[in-house]
C-alpha atoms as a PDB file:
ATOM      1  CA  UNK A   1      52.666 118.165  51.542  1.00  0.00           C
ATOM      2  CA  UNK A   2      54.027 115.202  50.867  1.00  0.00           C
ATOM      3  CA  UNK A   3      52.357 113.699  47.804  1.00  0.00           C
ATOM      4  CA  UNK A   4      51.703 109.818  48.328  1.00  0.00           C
ATOM      5  CA  UNK A   5      51.595 109.164  44.638  1.00  0.00           C
ATOM      6  CA  UNK A   6      55.095 110.578  44.077  1.00  0.00           C
ATOM      7  CA  UNK A   7      56.573 108.263  46.678  1.00  0.00           C
ATOM      8  CA  UNK A   8      59.883 106.290  45.950  1.00  0.00           C
ATOM      9  CA  UNK A   9      59.321 103.293  44.919  1.00  0.00           C
ATOM     10  CA  UNK A  10      60.542 101.927  48.830  1.00  0.00           C
ATOM     11  CA  UNK A  11      58.118 104.446  49.983  1.00  0.00           C
ATOM     12  CA  UNK A  12      60.616 106.705  51.041  1.00  0.00           C
ATOM     13  CA  UNK A  13      58.808 109.776  52.378  1.00  0.00           C
ATOM     14  CA  UNK A  14      62.960 111.923  52.030  1.00  0.00           C
ATOM     15  CA  UNK A  15      64.997 112.820  54.526  1.00  0.00           C
ATOM     16  CA  UNK A  16      62.418 112.270  57.652  1.00  0.00           C
ATOM     17  CA  UNK A  17      62.529 108.910  56.522  1.00  0.00           C
ATOM     18  CA  UNK A  18      66.049 108.362  56.596  1.00  0.00           C
ATOM     19  CA  UNK A  19      65.834 110.449  59.891  1.00  0.00           C
ATOM     20  CA  UNK A  20      63.866 108.370  61.519  1.00  0.00           C
ATOM     21  CA  UNK A  21      66.039 105.054  60.197  1.00  0.00           C
ATOM     22  CA  UNK A  22      69.181 106.318  61.650  1.00  0.00           C
ATOM     23  CA  UNK A  23      67.681 107.333  65.205  1.00  0.00           C
ATOM     24  CA  UNK A  24      66.127 103.776  65.163  1.00  0.00           C
ATOM     25  CA  UNK A  25      69.640 102.108  63.973  1.00  0.00           C
ATOM     26  CA  UNK A  26      71.234 104.366  66.524  1.00  0.00           C
ATOM     27  CA  UNK A  27      68.343 102.768  69.785  1.00  0.00           C
ATOM     28  CA  UNK A  28      69.371  99.580  68.586  1.00  0.00           C
ATOM     29  CA  UNK A  29      73.270 100.080  69.072  1.00  0.00           C
ATOM     30  CA  UNK A  30      72.223 101.650  72.726  1.00  0.00           C
ATOM     31  CA  UNK A  31      70.041  99.041  73.829  1.00  0.00           C
ATOM     32  CA  UNK A  32      72.815  96.437  72.516  1.00  0.00           C
ATOM     33  CA  UNK A  33      75.451  97.695  73.917  1.00  0.00           C
ATOM     34  CA  UNK A  34      73.152  98.136  77.297  1.00  0.00           C
ATOM     35  CA  UNK A  35      71.979  94.350  77.303  1.00  0.00           C
ATOM     36  CA  UNK A  36      76.209  93.510  76.888  1.00  0.00           C
ATOM     37  CA  UNK A  37      76.977  96.001  80.128  1.00  0.00           C
ATOM     38  CA  UNK A  38      73.884  94.737  82.173  1.00  0.00           C
ATOM     39  CA  UNK A  39      75.603  90.697  80.806  1.00  0.00           C
ATOM     40  CA  UNK A  40      78.377  91.265  82.254  1.00  0.00           C
ATOM     41  CA  UNK A  41      76.951  92.772  85.522  1.00  0.00           C
ATOM     42  CA  UNK A  42      75.149  89.860  86.194  1.00  0.00           C
ATOM     43  CA  UNK A  43      78.610  87.831  85.440  1.00  0.00           C
ATOM     44  CA  UNK A  44      80.272  90.062  88.195  1.00  0.00           C
ATOM     45  CA  UNK A  45      77.311  89.853  90.984  1.00  0.00           C
ATOM     46  CA  UNK A  46      77.615  85.981  90.683  1.00  0.00           C
ATOM     47  CA  UNK A  47      81.181  86.234  90.955  1.00  0.00           C
ATOM     48  CA  UNK A  48      80.815  87.498  93.707  1.00  0.00           C
ATOM     49  CA  UNK A  49      77.735  86.063  95.030  1.00  0.00           C
ATOM     50  CA  UNK A  50      80.326  82.420  94.397  1.00  0.00           C
ATOM     51  CA  UNK A  51      83.320  84.429  96.364  1.00  0.00           C
ATOM     52  CA  UNK A  52      81.385  85.392  99.183  1.00  0.00           C
ATOM     53  CA  UNK A  53      79.712  81.926  99.739  1.00  0.00           C
ATOM     54  CA  UNK A  54      83.687  80.905 100.196  1.00  0.00           C
ATOM     55  CA  UNK A  55      84.811  83.141 102.410  1.00  0.00           C
ATOM     56  CA  UNK A  56      81.712  82.481 104.764  1.00  0.00           C
ATOM     57  CA  UNK A  57      81.936  78.907 104.560  1.00  0.00           C
ATOM     58  CA  UNK A  58      86.116  79.278 105.177  1.00  0.00           C
ATOM     59  CA  UNK A  59      85.297  81.619 108.254  1.00  0.00           C
ATOM     60  CA  UNK A  60      82.067  78.631 109.483  1.00  0.00           C
ATOM     61  CA  UNK A  61      84.776  76.178 109.405  1.00  0.00           C
ATOM     62  CA  UNK A  62      88.260  77.294 110.169  1.00  0.00           C
ATOM     63  CA  UNK A  63      87.116  79.606 112.747  1.00  0.00           C
ATOM     64  CA  UNK A  64      83.843  78.341 114.331  1.00  0.00           C
ATOM     65  CA  UNK A  65      82.034  81.493 113.288  1.00  0.00           C
ATOM     66  CA  UNK A  66      78.745  81.061 113.480  1.00  0.00           C
ATOM     67  CA  UNK A  67      74.972  82.135 111.298  1.00  0.00           C
ATOM     68  CA  UNK A  68      73.701  84.358 114.009  1.00  0.00           C
ATOM     69  CA  UNK A  69      76.952  86.037 114.298  1.00  0.00           C
ATOM     70  CA  UNK A  70      76.713  86.545 110.682  1.00  0.00           C
ATOM     71  CA  UNK A  71      73.684  87.976 110.287  1.00  0.00           C
ATOM     72  CA  UNK A  72      74.349  90.466 113.271  1.00  0.00           C
ATOM     73  CA  UNK A  73      77.848  91.871 111.461  1.00  0.00           C
ATOM     74  CA  UNK A  74      75.271  92.347 108.366  1.00  0.00           C
ATOM     75  CA  UNK A  75      72.803  94.253 110.492  1.00  0.00           C
ATOM     76  CA  UNK A  76      75.344  96.452 111.883  1.00  0.00           C
ATOM     77  CA  UNK A  77      77.316  97.425 108.935  1.00  0.00           C
ATOM     78  CA  UNK A  78      73.833  98.154 107.162  1.00  0.00           C
ATOM     79  CA  UNK A  79      72.449 100.180 109.911  1.00  0.00           C
ATOM     80  CA  UNK A  80      76.133 102.196 109.840  1.00  0.00           C
ATOM     81  CA  UNK A  81      74.444 104.738 107.679  1.00  0.00           C
ATOM     82  CA  UNK A  82      71.411 105.223 109.747  1.00  0.00           C
ATOM     83  CA  UNK A  83      69.020 103.060 107.956  1.00  0.00           C
ATOM     84  CA  UNK A  84      68.473  99.714 107.982  1.00  0.00           C
ATOM     85  CA  UNK A  85      67.850  99.232 104.059  1.00  0.00           C
ATOM     86  CA  UNK A  86      69.870  96.723 102.749  1.00  0.00           C
ATOM     87  CA  UNK A  87      72.308  98.894 101.359  1.00  0.00           C
ATOM     88  CA  UNK A  88      76.071 100.030 102.985  1.00  0.00           C
ATOM     89  CA  UNK A  89      75.660 103.626 101.791  1.00  0.00           C
ATOM     90  CA  UNK A  90      78.866 105.422 101.833  1.00  0.00           C
ATOM     91  CA  UNK A  91      79.387 108.043 103.992  1.00  0.00           C
ATOM     92  CA  UNK A  92      81.539 111.274 103.859  1.00  0.00           C
ATOM     93  CA  UNK A  93      84.973 111.556 104.776  1.00  0.00           C
ATOM     94  CA  UNK A  94      86.601 114.190 107.273  1.00  0.00           C
ATOM     95  CA  UNK A  95      89.838 115.092 106.892  1.00  0.00           C
ATOM     96  CA  UNK A  96      91.937 113.927 110.354  1.00  0.00           C
ATOM     97  CA  UNK A  97      93.978 117.416 109.685  1.00  0.00           C
ATOM     98  CA  UNK A  98      91.712 120.071 109.040  1.00  0.00           C
ATOM     99  CA  UNK A  99      88.797 118.302 109.010  1.00  0.00           C
ATOM    100  CA  UNK A 100      86.449 119.516 105.717  1.00  0.00           C
ATOM    101  CA  UNK A 101      84.929 116.448 103.825  1.00  0.00           C
ATOM    102  CA  UNK A 102      86.910 114.427 101.314  1.00  0.00           C
ATOM    103  CA  UNK A 103      85.688 112.387  98.016  1.00  0.00           C
ATOM    104  CA  UNK A 104      86.731 109.463  99.118  1.00  0.00           C
ATOM    105  CA  UNK A 105      88.490 109.336  95.407  1.00  0.00           C
ATOM    106  CA  UNK A 106      91.463 110.897  96.694  1.00  0.00           C
ATOM    107  CA  UNK A 107      94.318 109.230  98.700  1.00  0.00           C
ATOM    108  CA  UNK A 108      94.741 112.894 100.304  1.00  0.00           C
ATOM    109  CA  UNK A 109      92.864 116.087 101.462  1.00  0.00           C
ATOM    110  CA  UNK A 110      91.983 117.990  98.436  1.00  0.00           C
ATOM    111  CA  UNK A 111      92.551 121.162 101.036  1.00  0.00           C
ATOM    112  CA  UNK A 112      95.451 120.825 103.103  1.00  0.00           C
ATOM    113  CA  UNK A 113      96.956 117.511 101.551  1.00  0.00           C
ATOM    114  CA  UNK A 114      96.492 115.507 104.595  1.00  0.00           C
ATOM    115  CA  UNK A 115      96.799 111.955 103.421  1.00  0.00           C
ATOM    116  CA  UNK A 116      93.576 109.973 104.159  1.00  0.00           C
ATOM    117  CA  UNK A 117      92.942 106.382 105.613  1.00  0.00           C
ATOM    118  CA  UNK A 118      90.319 105.284 103.502  1.00  0.00           C
ATOM    119  CA  UNK A 119      88.196 102.572 104.609  1.00  0.00           C
ATOM    120  CA  UNK A 120      89.049  99.007 102.551  1.00  0.00           C
ATOM    121  CA  UNK A 121      85.515  99.164 101.455  1.00  0.00           C
ATOM    122  CA  UNK A 122      84.625 102.635 101.287  1.00  0.00           C
END
């Protein structure tokens, strides 16, 4: 049991206090890192939104695409995964040669080696 009358001049409770301080410092570093990463994601999202707006205005102004056509295409893409949920989920890819399901990160089927063409937005 800790005797409060025998504490050091800073009220140090010994190794437990040091561990707690180290854990708190680690948590602070992790929080700063998470905040920095969130800020980077916000910046990327802003650039993406600006890029989408630029592309939309080019399509509208140069090709005469209407807002209704754009919204219909957005809905079509949203429904491509079977749910109108505002998310473009990745669906699995099947190898054209062997038919097995493969991960999108591989350019070739990991089972038979067949090159697999992936959608640019997959």
